[in-house]
Amino acid sequence: MPRVKRGKVRAKKRKVLLAKAKGFKWGRKKKVKLAKPAVKKAGVYAYRDRRNKKRSARGLWQVKISAPLKEQGLSYSKFIGELKKKNIILDRKILADLAEKNPLIFNEIMKLVK
């Protein structure tokens, strides 16, 4: 059986791994043995937090919408329910943006719902 030399392949794998670990603290940025699990764990956190980012954004939109509603004596859940009943198709992101930047338009939407 012929001998297989893996110098180039091994070096490339190591180079790619250490490039992913760039910016990590302590030995995890330059030692392969420490970098490997750190990069894997970082990938797991990145995957999880891409979903959590969406979750926290939706929570922020809800707060931005409910603040002007409370001033008018209307609850968030009743407002959303009435929007659906009246078949007004605006998502929370758009409503939050309107509530923050265009309160006059948001007030018109509130009047339609009431």
PDB file of N, CA and C in Angstrom:
ATOM      1  N   MET A   1       0.847  -1.183   0.000  1.00  0.00           N
ATOM      2  CA  MET A   1       0.000   0.000   0.000  1.00  0.00           C
ATOM      3  C   MET A   1       0.895   1.250   0.000  1.00  0.00           C
ATOM      4  N   PRO A   2       0.631   2.216  -0.897  1.00  0.00           N
ATOM      5  CA  PRO A   2       1.492   3.392  -0.966  1.00  0.00           C
ATOM      6  C   PRO A   2       1.256   4.336   0.211  1.00  0.00           C
ATOM      7  N   ARG A   3       2.275   5.072   0.507  1.00  0.00           N
ATOM      8  CA  ARG A   3       2.218   6.029   1.615  1.00  0.00           C
ATOM      9  C   ARG A   3       1.476   7.289   1.151  1.00  0.00           C
ATOM     10  N   VAL A   4       0.587   7.800   2.006  1.00  0.00           N
ATOM     11  CA  VAL A   4      -0.168   9.012   1.680  1.00  0.00           C
ATOM     12  C   VAL A   4       0.339  10.146   2.555  1.00  0.00           C
ATOM     13  N   LYS A   5       0.822  11.195   1.906  1.00  0.00           N
ATOM     14  CA  LYS A   5       1.281  12.372   2.649  1.00  0.00           C
ATOM     15  C   LYS A   5       0.138  13.388   2.677  1.00  0.00           C
ATOM     16  N   ARG A   6      -0.164  13.900   3.835  1.00  0.00           N
ATOM     17  CA  ARG A   6      -1.312  14.790   3.984  1.00  0.00           C
ATOM     18  C   ARG A   6      -0.910  16.220   4.362  1.00  0.00           C
ATOM     19  N   GLY A   7       0.278  16.600   4.028  1.00  0.00           N
ATOM     20  CA  GLY A   7       0.772  17.915   4.438  1.00  0.00           C
ATOM     21  C   GLY A   7      -0.102  19.067   3.993  1.00  0.00           C
ATOM     22  N   LYS A   8      -0.407  19.140   2.706  1.00  0.00           N
ATOM     23  CA  LYS A   8      -1.179  20.271   2.177  1.00  0.00           C
ATOM     24  C   LYS A   8      -2.614  20.266   2.701  1.00  0.00           C
ATOM     25  N   VAL A   9      -3.241  19.107   2.682  1.00  0.00           N
ATOM     26  CA  VAL A   9      -4.638  18.994   3.128  1.00  0.00           C
ATOM     27  C   VAL A   9      -4.745  19.341   4.602  1.00  0.00           C
ATOM     28  N   ARG A  10      -3.831  18.783   5.385  1.00  0.00           N
ATOM     29  CA  ARG A  10      -3.827  19.015   6.833  1.00  0.00           C
ATOM     30  C   ARG A  10      -3.615  20.500   7.137  1.00  0.00           C
ATOM     31  N   ALA A  11      -2.660  21.090   6.438  1.00  0.00           N
ATOM     32  CA  ALA A  11      -2.349  22.513   6.664  1.00  0.00           C
ATOM     33  C   ALA A  11      -3.539  23.396   6.299  1.00  0.00           C
ATOM     34  N   LYS A  12      -4.225  23.049   5.193  1.00  0.00           N
ATOM     35  CA  LYS A  12      -5.383  23.842   4.774  1.00  0.00           C
ATOM     36  C   LYS A  12      -6.513  23.737   5.789  1.00  0.00           C
ATOM     37  N   LYS A  13      -6.755  22.511   6.277  1.00  0.00           N
ATOM     38  CA  LYS A  13      -7.803  22.315   7.286  1.00  0.00           C
ATOM     39  C   LYS A  13      -7.509  23.145   8.532  1.00  0.00           C
ATOM     40  N   ARG A  14      -6.251  23.110   8.961  1.00  0.00           N
ATOM     41  CA  ARG A  14      -5.840  23.852  10.147  1.00  0.00           C
ATOM     42  C   ARG A  14      -5.992  25.354   9.921  1.00  0.00           C
ATOM     43  N   LYS A  15      -5.608  25.801   8.725  1.00  0.00           N
ATOM     44  CA  LYS A  15      -5.685  27.225   8.393  1.00  0.00           C
ATOM     45  C   LYS A  15      -7.139  27.714   8.409  1.00  0.00           C
ATOM     46  N   VAL A  16      -8.041  26.918   7.832  1.00  0.00           N
ATOM     47  CA  VAL A  16      -9.465  27.271   7.796  1.00  0.00           C
ATOM     48  C   VAL A  16     -10.038  27.318   9.213  1.00  0.00           C
ATOM     49  N   LEU A  17      -9.687  26.319  10.019  1.00  0.00           N
ATOM     50  CA  LEU A  17     -10.178  26.255  11.402  1.00  0.00           C
ATOM     51  C   LEU A  17      -9.712  27.463  12.206  1.00  0.00           C
ATOM     52  N   LEU A  18      -8.424  27.788  12.096  1.00  0.00           N
ATOM     53  CA  LEU A  18      -7.881  28.908  12.858  1.00  0.00           C
ATOM     54  C   LEU A  18      -8.411  30.250  12.343  1.00  0.00           C
ATOM     55  N   ALA A  19      -8.767  30.308  11.070  1.00  0.00           N
ATOM     56  CA  ALA A  19      -9.380  31.534  10.542  1.00  0.00           C
ATOM     57  C   ALA A  19     -10.756  31.740  11.167  1.00  0.00           C
ATOM     58  N   LYS A  20     -11.484  30.646  11.371  1.00  0.00           N
ATOM     59  CA  LYS A  20     -12.799  30.742  12.023  1.00  0.00           C
ATOM     60  C   LYS A  20     -12.665  31.133  13.491  1.00  0.00           C
ATOM     61  N   ALA A  21     -11.528  30.766  14.100  1.00  0.00           N
ATOM     62  CA  ALA A  21     -11.306  31.053  15.523  1.00  0.00           C
ATOM     63  C   ALA A  21     -10.647  32.415  15.743  1.00  0.00           C
ATOM     64  N   LYS A  22     -10.467  33.179  14.681  1.00  0.00           N
ATOM     65  CA  LYS A  22      -9.820  34.477  14.801  1.00  0.00           C
ATOM     66  C   LYS A  22     -10.634  35.379  15.725  1.00  0.00           C
ATOM     67  N   GLY A  23      -9.973  36.010  16.650  1.00  0.00           N
ATOM     68  CA  GLY A  23     -10.650  36.909  17.581  1.00  0.00           C
ATOM     69  C   GLY A  23     -11.044  36.234  18.889  1.00  0.00           C
ATOM     70  N   PHE A  24     -10.873  34.931  18.991  1.00  0.00           N
ATOM     71  CA  PHE A  24     -11.175  34.236  20.235  1.00  0.00           C
ATOM     72  C   PHE A  24     -10.096  34.562  21.259  1.00  0.00           C
ATOM     73  N   LYS A  25     -10.418  34.392  22.527  1.00  0.00           N
ATOM     74  CA  LYS A  25      -9.462  34.702  23.591  1.00  0.00           C
ATOM     75  C   LYS A  25      -8.564  33.516  23.903  1.00  0.00           C
ATOM     76  N   TRP A  26      -7.464  33.832  24.539  1.00  0.00           N
ATOM     77  CA  TRP A  26      -6.498  32.873  25.064  1.00  0.00           C
ATOM     78  C   TRP A  26      -5.985  31.926  23.992  1.00  0.00           C
ATOM     79  N   GLY A  27      -5.807  30.647  24.291  1.00  0.00           N
ATOM     80  CA  GLY A  27      -5.206  29.731  23.337  1.00  0.00           C
ATOM     81  C   GLY A  27      -6.146  29.276  22.245  1.00  0.00           C
ATOM     82  N   ARG A  28      -7.422  29.605  22.387  1.00  0.00           N
ATOM     83  CA  ARG A  28      -8.410  29.104  21.433  1.00  0.00           C
ATOM     84  C   ARG A  28      -8.255  29.713  20.049  1.00  0.00           C
ATOM     85  N   LYS A  29      -7.472  30.766  19.935  1.00  0.00           N
ATOM     86  CA  LYS A  29      -7.284  31.382  18.617  1.00  0.00           C
ATOM     87  C   LYS A  29      -6.097  30.811  17.859  1.00  0.00           C
ATOM     88  N   LYS A  30      -5.184  30.102  18.554  1.00  0.00           N
ATOM     89  CA  LYS A  30      -3.986  29.630  17.848  1.00  0.00           C
ATOM     90  C   LYS A  30      -3.643  28.166  18.076  1.00  0.00           C
ATOM     91  N   LYS A  31      -4.340  27.502  18.983  1.00  0.00           N
ATOM     92  CA  LYS A  31      -4.082  26.081  19.231  1.00  0.00           C
ATOM     93  C   LYS A  31      -5.249  25.261  18.682  1.00  0.00           C
ATOM     94  N   VAL A  32      -4.926  24.375  17.757  1.00  0.00           N
ATOM     95  CA  VAL A  32      -5.956  23.604  17.053  1.00  0.00           C
ATOM     96  C   VAL A  32      -6.809  22.809  18.025  1.00  0.00           C
ATOM     97  N   LYS A  33      -6.179  22.202  19.013  1.00  0.00           N
ATOM     98  CA  LYS A  33      -6.894  21.357  19.965  1.00  0.00           C
ATOM     99  C   LYS A  33      -7.942  22.158  20.745  1.00  0.00           C
ATOM    100  N   LEU A  34      -7.635  23.408  21.023  1.00  0.00           N
ATOM    101  CA  LEU A  34      -8.578  24.262  21.749  1.00  0.00           C
ATOM    102  C   LEU A  34      -9.542  24.979  20.798  1.00  0.00           C
ATOM    103  N   ALA A  35      -9.067  25.255  19.596  1.00  0.00           N
ATOM    104  CA  ALA A  35      -9.886  26.004  18.635  1.00  0.00           C
ATOM    105  C   ALA A  35     -11.055  25.168  18.109  1.00  0.00           C
ATOM    106  N   LYS A  36     -10.820  23.856  17.927  1.00  0.00           N
ATOM    107  CA  LYS A  36     -11.827  22.991  17.317  1.00  0.00           C
ATOM    108  C   LYS A  36     -13.157  22.998  18.085  1.00  0.00           C
ATOM    109  N   PRO A  37     -13.145  22.698  19.404  1.00  0.00           N
ATOM    110  CA  PRO A  37     -14.435  22.735  20.131  1.00  0.00           C
ATOM    111  C   PRO A  37     -14.989  24.150  20.265  1.00  0.00           C
ATOM    112  N   ALA A  38     -14.092  25.148  20.322  1.00  0.00           N
ATOM    113  CA  ALA A  38     -14.559  26.532  20.452  1.00  0.00           C
ATOM    114  C   ALA A  38     -15.307  26.971  19.203  1.00  0.00           C
ATOM    115  N   VAL A  39     -14.807  26.600  18.032  1.00  0.00           N
ATOM    116  CA  VAL A  39     -15.463  26.952  16.770  1.00  0.00           C
ATOM    117  C   VAL A  39     -16.796  26.215  16.652  1.00  0.00           C
ATOM    118  N   LYS A  40     -16.811  24.956  17.054  1.00  0.00           N
ATOM    119  CA  LYS A  40     -18.046  24.169  16.998  1.00  0.00           C
ATOM    120  C   LYS A  40     -19.114  24.786  17.910  1.00  0.00           C
ATOM    121  N   LYS A  41     -18.720  25.146  19.117  1.00  0.00           N
ATOM    122  CA  LYS A  41     -19.643  25.748  20.082  1.00  0.00           C
ATOM    123  C   LYS A  41     -20.136  27.104  19.580  1.00  0.00           C
ATOM    124  N   ALA A  42     -19.234  27.867  18.961  1.00  0.00           N
ATOM    125  CA  ALA A  42     -19.611  29.174  18.417  1.00  0.00           C
ATOM    126  C   ALA A  42     -20.673  29.013  17.338  1.00  0.00           C
ATOM    127  N   GLY A  43     -20.537  27.961  16.523  1.00  0.00           N
ATOM    128  CA  GLY A  43     -21.521  27.695  15.482  1.00  0.00           C
ATOM    129  C   GLY A  43     -22.886  27.361  16.063  1.00  0.00           C
ATOM    130  N   VAL A  44     -22.884  26.611  17.150  1.00  0.00           N
ATOM    131  CA  VAL A  44     -24.137  26.246  17.828  1.00  0.00           C
ATOM    132  C   VAL A  44     -24.814  27.503  18.377  1.00  0.00           C
ATOM    133  N   TYR A  45     -24.015  28.368  19.010  1.00  0.00           N
ATOM    134  CA  TYR A  45     -24.562  29.612  19.564  1.00  0.00           C
ATOM    135  C   TYR A  45     -25.102  30.509  18.448  1.00  0.00           C
ATOM    136  N   ALA A  46     -24.368  30.580  17.334  1.00  0.00           N
ATOM    137  CA  ALA A  46     -24.793  31.429  16.220  1.00  0.00           C
ATOM    138  C   ALA A  46     -26.127  30.951  15.661  1.00  0.00           C
ATOM    139  N   TYR A  47     -26.271  29.633  15.497  1.00  0.00           N
ATOM    140  CA  TYR A  47     -27.504  29.052  14.972  1.00  0.00           C
ATOM    141  C   TYR A  47     -28.675  29.366  15.915  1.00  0.00           C
ATOM    142  N   ARG A  48     -28.450  29.143  17.212  1.00  0.00           N
ATOM    143  CA  ARG A  48     -29.509  29.379  18.201  1.00  0.00           C
ATOM    144  C   ARG A  48     -29.901  30.858  18.246  1.00  0.00           C
ATOM    145  N   ASP A  49     -28.898  31.727  18.220  1.00  0.00           N
ATOM    146  CA  ASP A  49     -29.179  33.149  18.407  1.00  0.00           C
ATOM    147  C   ASP A  49     -29.745  33.832  17.171  1.00  0.00           C
ATOM    148  N   ARG A  50     -29.590  33.209  16.003  1.00  0.00           N
ATOM    149  CA  ARG A  50     -30.273  33.758  14.832  1.00  0.00           C
ATOM    150  C   ARG A  50     -31.787  33.657  15.020  1.00  0.00           C
ATOM    151  N   ARG A  51     -32.223  32.614  15.697  1.00  0.00           N
ATOM    152  CA  ARG A  51     -33.647  32.470  15.996  1.00  0.00           C
ATOM    153  C   ARG A  51     -34.070  33.375  17.162  1.00  0.00           C
ATOM    154  N   ASN A  52     -33.222  33.476  18.172  1.00  0.00           N
ATOM    155  CA  ASN A  52     -33.535  34.323  19.328  1.00  0.00           C
ATOM    156  C   ASN A  52     -33.613  35.803  18.947  1.00  0.00           C
ATOM    157  N   LYS A  53     -32.831  36.200  17.935  1.00  0.00           N
ATOM    158  CA  LYS A  53     -32.853  37.586  17.478  1.00  0.00           C
ATOM    159  C   LYS A  53     -34.239  37.941  16.953  1.00  0.00           C
ATOM    160  N   LYS A  54     -34.838  37.034  16.216  1.00  0.00           N
ATOM    161  CA  LYS A  54     -36.181  37.255  15.682  1.00  0.00           C
ATOM    162  C   LYS A  54     -37.199  37.360  16.813  1.00  0.00           C
ATOM    163  N   ARG A  55     -37.010  36.517  17.836  1.00  0.00           N
ATOM    164  CA  ARG A  55     -37.912  36.501  18.981  1.00  0.00           C
ATOM    165  C   ARG A  55     -37.859  37.825  19.738  1.00  0.00           C
ATOM    166  N   SER A  56     -36.650  38.323  19.985  1.00  0.00           N
ATOM    167  CA  SER A  56     -36.517  39.563  20.746  1.00  0.00           C
ATOM    168  C   SER A  56     -36.983  40.771  19.933  1.00  0.00           C
ATOM    169  N   ALA A  57     -36.813  40.715  18.608  1.00  0.00           N
ATOM    170  CA  ALA A  57     -37.293  41.809  17.752  1.00  0.00           C
ATOM    171  C   ALA A  57     -38.810  41.899  17.825  1.00  0.00           C
ATOM    172  N   ARG A  58     -39.472  40.754  17.787  1.00  0.00           N
ATOM    173  CA  ARG A  58     -40.939  40.745  17.863  1.00  0.00           C
ATOM    174  C   ARG A  58     -41.411  41.310  19.208  1.00  0.00           C
ATOM    175  N   GLY A  59     -40.697  40.978  20.289  1.00  0.00           N
ATOM    176  CA  GLY A  59     -41.044  41.526  21.599  1.00  0.00           C
ATOM    177  C   GLY A  59     -40.923  43.042  21.629  1.00  0.00           C
ATOM    178  N   LEU A  60     -39.881  43.550  20.980  1.00  0.00           N
ATOM    179  CA  LEU A  60     -39.674  44.998  20.922  1.00  0.00           C
ATOM    180  C   LEU A  60     -40.787  45.674  20.126  1.00  0.00           C
ATOM    181  N   TRP A  61     -41.196  45.038  19.012  1.00  0.00           N
ATOM    182  CA  TRP A  61     -42.296  45.589  18.221  1.00  0.00           C
ATOM    183  C   TRP A  61     -43.565  45.663  19.051  1.00  0.00           C
ATOM    184  N   GLN A  62     -43.822  44.639  19.852  1.00  0.00           N
ATOM    185  CA  GLN A  62     -45.029  44.620  20.679  1.00  0.00           C
ATOM    186  C   GLN A  62     -45.031  45.763  21.684  1.00  0.00           C
ATOM    187  N   VAL A  63     -43.873  46.040  22.259  1.00  0.00           N
ATOM    188  CA  VAL A  63     -43.760  47.135  23.228  1.00  0.00           C
ATOM    189  C   VAL A  63     -43.995  48.478  22.536  1.00  0.00           C
ATOM    190  N   LYS A  64     -43.413  48.642  21.350  1.00  0.00           N
ATOM    191  CA  LYS A  64     -43.564  49.901  20.611  1.00  0.00           C
ATOM    192  C   LYS A  64     -45.015  50.140  20.194  1.00  0.00           C
ATOM    193  N   ILE A  65     -45.734  49.063  19.914  1.00  0.00           N
ATOM    194  CA  ILE A  65     -47.140  49.195  19.521  1.00  0.00           C
ATOM    195  C   ILE A  65     -48.017  49.476  20.739  1.00  0.00           C
ATOM    196  N   SER A  66     -47.759  48.766  21.830  1.00  0.00           N
ATOM    197  CA  SER A  66     -48.647  48.875  22.992  1.00  0.00           C
ATOM    198  C   SER A  66     -48.503  50.203  23.746  1.00  0.00           C
ATOM    199  N   ALA A  67     -47.361  50.881  23.628  1.00  0.00           N
ATOM    200  CA  ALA A  67     -47.169  52.151  24.345  1.00  0.00           C
ATOM    201  C   ALA A  67     -48.206  53.206  23.935  1.00  0.00           C
ATOM    202  N   PRO A  68     -48.364  53.519  22.631  1.00  0.00           N
ATOM    203  CA  PRO A  68     -49.392  54.511  22.283  1.00  0.00           C
ATOM    204  C   PRO A  68     -50.825  54.003  22.490  1.00  0.00           C
ATOM    205  N   LEU A  69     -50.997  52.683  22.457  1.00  0.00           N
ATOM    206  CA  LEU A  69     -52.336  52.130  22.673  1.00  0.00           C
ATOM    207  C   LEU A  69     -52.796  52.360  24.106  1.00  0.00           C
ATOM    208  N   LYS A  70     -51.878  52.219  25.057  1.00  0.00           N
ATOM    209  CA  LYS A  70     -52.223  52.395  26.470  1.00  0.00           C
ATOM    210  C   LYS A  70     -52.653  53.827  26.761  1.00  0.00           C
ATOM    211  N   GLU A  71     -52.053  54.780  26.035  1.00  0.00           N
ATOM    212  CA  GLU A  71     -52.451  56.184  26.210  1.00  0.00           C
ATOM    213  C   GLU A  71     -53.913  56.391  25.816  1.00  0.00           C
ATOM    214  N   GLN A  72     -54.376  55.611  24.837  1.00  0.00           N
ATOM    215  CA  GLN A  72     -55.760  55.707  24.359  1.00  0.00           C
ATOM    216  C   GLN A  72     -56.703  54.759  25.107  1.00  0.00           C
ATOM    217  N   GLY A  73     -56.158  54.003  26.063  1.00  0.00           N
ATOM    218  CA  GLY A  73     -56.984  53.084  26.855  1.00  0.00           C
ATOM    219  C   GLY A  73     -57.348  51.810  26.115  1.00  0.00           C
ATOM    220  N   LEU A  74     -56.476  51.363  25.235  1.00  0.00           N
ATOM    221  CA  LEU A  74     -56.730  50.165  24.444  1.00  0.00           C
ATOM    222  C   LEU A  74     -55.603  49.169  24.706  1.00  0.00           C
ATOM    223  N   SER A  75     -55.945  47.898  24.877  1.00  0.00           N
ATOM    224  CA  SER A  75     -54.905  46.898  25.126  1.00  0.00           C
ATOM    225  C   SER A  75     -54.358  46.368  23.808  1.00  0.00           C
ATOM    226  N   TYR A  76     -53.135  45.878  23.856  1.00  0.00           N
ATOM    227  CA  TYR A  76     -52.450  45.356  22.671  1.00  0.00           C
ATOM    228  C   TYR A  76     -53.218  44.187  22.058  1.00  0.00           C
ATOM    229  N   SER A  77     -53.640  43.253  22.910  1.00  0.00           N
ATOM    230  CA  SER A  77     -54.299  42.048  22.401  1.00  0.00           C
ATOM    231  C   SER A  77     -55.632  42.377  21.727  1.00  0.00           C
ATOM    232  N   LYS A  78     -56.388  43.308  22.315  1.00  0.00           N
ATOM    233  CA  LYS A  78     -57.667  43.703  21.712  1.00  0.00           C
ATOM    234  C   LYS A  78     -57.438  44.432  20.387  1.00  0.00           C
ATOM    235  N   PHE A  79     -56.393  45.246  20.336  1.00  0.00           N
ATOM    236  CA  PHE A  79     -56.045  45.975  19.111  1.00  0.00           C
ATOM    237  C   PHE A  79     -55.719  45.006  17.975  1.00  0.00           C
ATOM    238  N   ILE A  80     -54.872  44.018  18.263  1.00  0.00           N
ATOM    239  CA  ILE A  80     -54.483  43.030  17.252  1.00  0.00           C
ATOM    240  C   ILE A  80     -55.699  42.199  16.826  1.00  0.00           C
ATOM    241  N   GLY A  81     -56.531  41.838  17.803  1.00  0.00           N
ATOM    242  CA  GLY A  81     -57.738  41.080  17.498  1.00  0.00           C
ATOM    243  C   GLY A  81     -58.684  41.849  16.584  1.00  0.00           C
ATOM    244  N   GLU A  82     -58.862  43.147  16.866  1.00  0.00           N
ATOM    245  CA  GLU A  82     -59.741  43.984  16.041  1.00  0.00           C
ATOM    246  C   GLU A  82     -59.169  44.190  14.640  1.00  0.00           C
ATOM    247  N   LEU A  83     -57.841  44.297  14.545  1.00  0.00           N
ATOM    248  CA  LEU A  83     -57.194  44.406  13.226  1.00  0.00           C
ATOM    249  C   LEU A  83     -57.536  43.192  12.367  1.00  0.00           C
ATOM    250  N   LYS A  84     -57.469  42.012  12.988  1.00  0.00           N
ATOM    251  CA  LYS A  84     -57.763  40.783  12.250  1.00  0.00           C
ATOM    252  C   LYS A  84     -59.236  40.717  11.857  1.00  0.00           C
ATOM    253  N   LYS A  85     -60.132  41.148  12.768  1.00  0.00           N
ATOM    254  CA  LYS A  85     -61.564  41.136  12.477  1.00  0.00           C
ATOM    255  C   LYS A  85     -61.905  42.075  11.316  1.00  0.00           C
ATOM    256  N   LYS A  86     -61.271  43.259  11.305  1.00  0.00           N
ATOM    257  CA  LYS A  86     -61.534  44.255  10.269  1.00  0.00           C
ATOM    258  C   LYS A  86     -60.744  43.963   8.990  1.00  0.00           C
ATOM    259  N   ASN A  87     -59.967  42.877   9.029  1.00  0.00           N
ATOM    260  CA  ASN A  87     -59.180  42.425   7.868  1.00  0.00           C
ATOM    261  C   ASN A  87     -58.155  43.469   7.416  1.00  0.00           C
ATOM    262  N   ILE A  88     -57.543  44.156   8.387  1.00  0.00           N
ATOM    263  CA  ILE A  88     -56.450  45.093   8.102  1.00  0.00           C
ATOM    264  C   ILE A  88     -55.156  44.298   8.209  1.00  0.00           C
ATOM    265  N   ILE A  89     -54.485  44.134   7.078  1.00  0.00           N
ATOM    266  CA  ILE A  89     -53.298  43.266   7.051  1.00  0.00           C
ATOM    267  C   ILE A  89     -52.042  44.117   7.177  1.00  0.00           C
ATOM    268  N   LEU A  90     -51.644  44.368   8.404  1.00  0.00           N
ATOM    269  CA  LEU A  90     -50.377  45.048   8.702  1.00  0.00           C
ATOM    270  C   LEU A  90     -49.655  44.205   9.740  1.00  0.00           C
ATOM    271  N   ASP A  91     -48.395  43.898   9.484  1.00  0.00           N
ATOM    272  CA  ASP A  91     -47.670  43.098  10.469  1.00  0.00           C
ATOM    273  C   ASP A  91     -47.124  43.979  11.594  1.00  0.00           C
ATOM    274  N   ARG A  92     -46.632  43.338  12.629  1.00  0.00           N
ATOM    275  CA  ARG A  92     -46.177  44.046  13.822  1.00  0.00           C
ATOM    276  C   ARG A  92     -44.984  44.961  13.542  1.00  0.00           C
ATOM    277  N   LYS A  93     -44.128  44.539  12.629  1.00  0.00           N
ATOM    278  CA  LYS A  93     -42.952  45.347  12.290  1.00  0.00           C
ATOM    279  C   LYS A  93     -43.382  46.696  11.702  1.00  0.00           C
ATOM    280  N   ILE A  94     -44.331  46.663  10.784  1.00  0.00           N
ATOM    281  CA  ILE A  94     -44.827  47.889  10.144  1.00  0.00           C
ATOM    282  C   ILE A  94     -45.572  48.750  11.166  1.00  0.00           C
ATOM    283  N   LEU A  95     -46.402  48.113  11.981  1.00  0.00           N
ATOM    284  CA  LEU A  95     -47.159  48.861  13.000  1.00  0.00           C
ATOM    285  C   LEU A  95     -46.220  49.548  13.991  1.00  0.00           C
ATOM    286  N   ALA A  96     -45.168  48.835  14.406  1.00  0.00           N
ATOM    287  CA  ALA A  96     -44.205  49.409  15.348  1.00  0.00           C
ATOM    288  C   ALA A  96     -43.495  50.602  14.722  1.00  0.00           C
ATOM    289  N   ASP A  97     -43.139  50.476  13.453  1.00  0.00           N
ATOM    290  CA  ASP A  97     -42.467  51.568  12.749  1.00  0.00           C
ATOM    291  C   ASP A  97     -43.385  52.787  12.639  1.00  0.00           C
ATOM    292  N   LEU A  98     -44.660  52.533  12.324  1.00  0.00           N
ATOM    293  CA  LEU A  98     -45.626  53.630  12.246  1.00  0.00           C
ATOM    294  C   LEU A  98     -45.826  54.299  13.605  1.00  0.00           C
ATOM    295  N   ALA A  99     -45.920  53.484  14.645  1.00  0.00           N
ATOM    296  CA  ALA A  99     -46.134  54.025  15.993  1.00  0.00           C
ATOM    297  C   ALA A  99     -44.964  54.908  16.421  1.00  0.00           C
ATOM    298  N   GLU A 100     -43.773  54.527  16.007  1.00  0.00           N
ATOM    299  CA  GLU A 100     -42.574  55.268  16.415  1.00  0.00           C
ATOM    300  C   GLU A 100     -42.344  56.510  15.557  1.00  0.00           C
ATOM    301  N   LYS A 101     -42.448  56.359  14.228  1.00  0.00           N
ATOM    302  CA  LYS A 101     -42.040  57.441  13.330  1.00  0.00           C
ATOM    303  C   LYS A 101     -43.193  58.263  12.767  1.00  0.00           C
ATOM    304  N   ASN A 102     -44.379  57.667  12.647  1.00  0.00           N
ATOM    305  CA  ASN A 102     -45.543  58.372  12.095  1.00  0.00           C
ATOM    306  C   ASN A 102     -46.748  58.193  13.015  1.00  0.00           C
ATOM    307  N   PRO A 103     -46.753  58.861  14.156  1.00  0.00           N
ATOM    308  CA  PRO A 103     -47.859  58.657  15.099  1.00  0.00           C
ATOM    309  C   PRO A 103     -49.233  59.082  14.547  1.00  0.00           C
ATOM    310  N   LEU A 104     -49.250  60.040  13.624  1.00  0.00           N
ATOM    311  CA  LEU A 104     -50.537  60.475  13.060  1.00  0.00           C
ATOM    312  C   LEU A 104     -51.200  59.344  12.264  1.00  0.00           C
ATOM    313  N   ILE A 105     -50.415  58.655  11.467  1.00  0.00           N
ATOM    314  CA  ILE A 105     -50.954  57.535  10.690  1.00  0.00           C
ATOM    315  C   ILE A 105     -51.377  56.407  11.621  1.00  0.00           C
ATOM    316  N   PHE A 106     -50.565  56.169  12.663  1.00  0.00           N
ATOM    317  CA  PHE A 106     -50.904  55.120  13.635  1.00  0.00           C
ATOM    318  C   PHE A 106     -52.215  55.454  14.343  1.00  0.00           C
ATOM    319  N   ASN A 107     -52.421  56.736  14.661  1.00  0.00           N
ATOM    320  CA  ASN A 107     -53.680  57.146  15.297  1.00  0.00           C
ATOM    321  C   ASN A 107     -54.871  56.915  14.380  1.00  0.00           C
ATOM    322  N   GLU A 108     -54.685  57.113  13.086  1.00  0.00           N
ATOM    323  CA  GLU A 108     -55.764  56.837  12.117  1.00  0.00           C
ATOM    324  C   GLU A 108     -56.127  55.335  12.125  1.00  0.00           C
ATOM    325  N   ILE A 109     -55.099  54.505  12.201  1.00  0.00           N
ATOM    326  CA  ILE A 109     -55.340  53.057  12.254  1.00  0.00           C
ATOM    327  C   ILE A 109     -56.090  52.715  13.546  1.00  0.00           C
ATOM    328  N   MET A 110     -55.700  53.366  14.646  1.00  0.00           N
ATOM    329  CA  MET A 110     -56.388  53.131  15.928  1.00  0.00           C
ATOM    330  C   MET A 110     -57.862  53.522  15.825  1.00  0.00           C
ATOM    331  N   LYS A 111     -58.139  54.641  15.134  1.00  0.00           N
ATOM    332  CA  LYS A 111     -59.527  55.080  14.977  1.00  0.00           C
ATOM    333  C   LYS A 111     -60.331  54.078  14.155  1.00  0.00           C
ATOM    334  N   LEU A 112     -59.700  53.497  13.140  1.00  0.00           N
ATOM    335  CA  LEU A 112     -60.381  52.481  12.332  1.00  0.00           C
ATOM    336  C   LEU A 112     -60.757  51.262  13.173  1.00  0.00           C
ATOM    337  N   VAL A 113     -59.880  50.938  14.109  1.00  0.00           N
ATOM    338  CA  VAL A 113     -60.085  49.746  14.940  1.00  0.00           C
ATOM    339  C   VAL A 113     -61.157  49.994  15.998  1.00  0.00           C
ATOM    340  N   LYS A 114     -61.170  51.201  16.569  1.00  0.00           N
ATOM    341  CA  LYS A 114     -62.118  51.488  17.673  1.00  0.00           C
ATOM    342  C   LYS A 114     -63.556  51.460  17.274  1.00  0.00           C
TER     343      LYS A 114
END
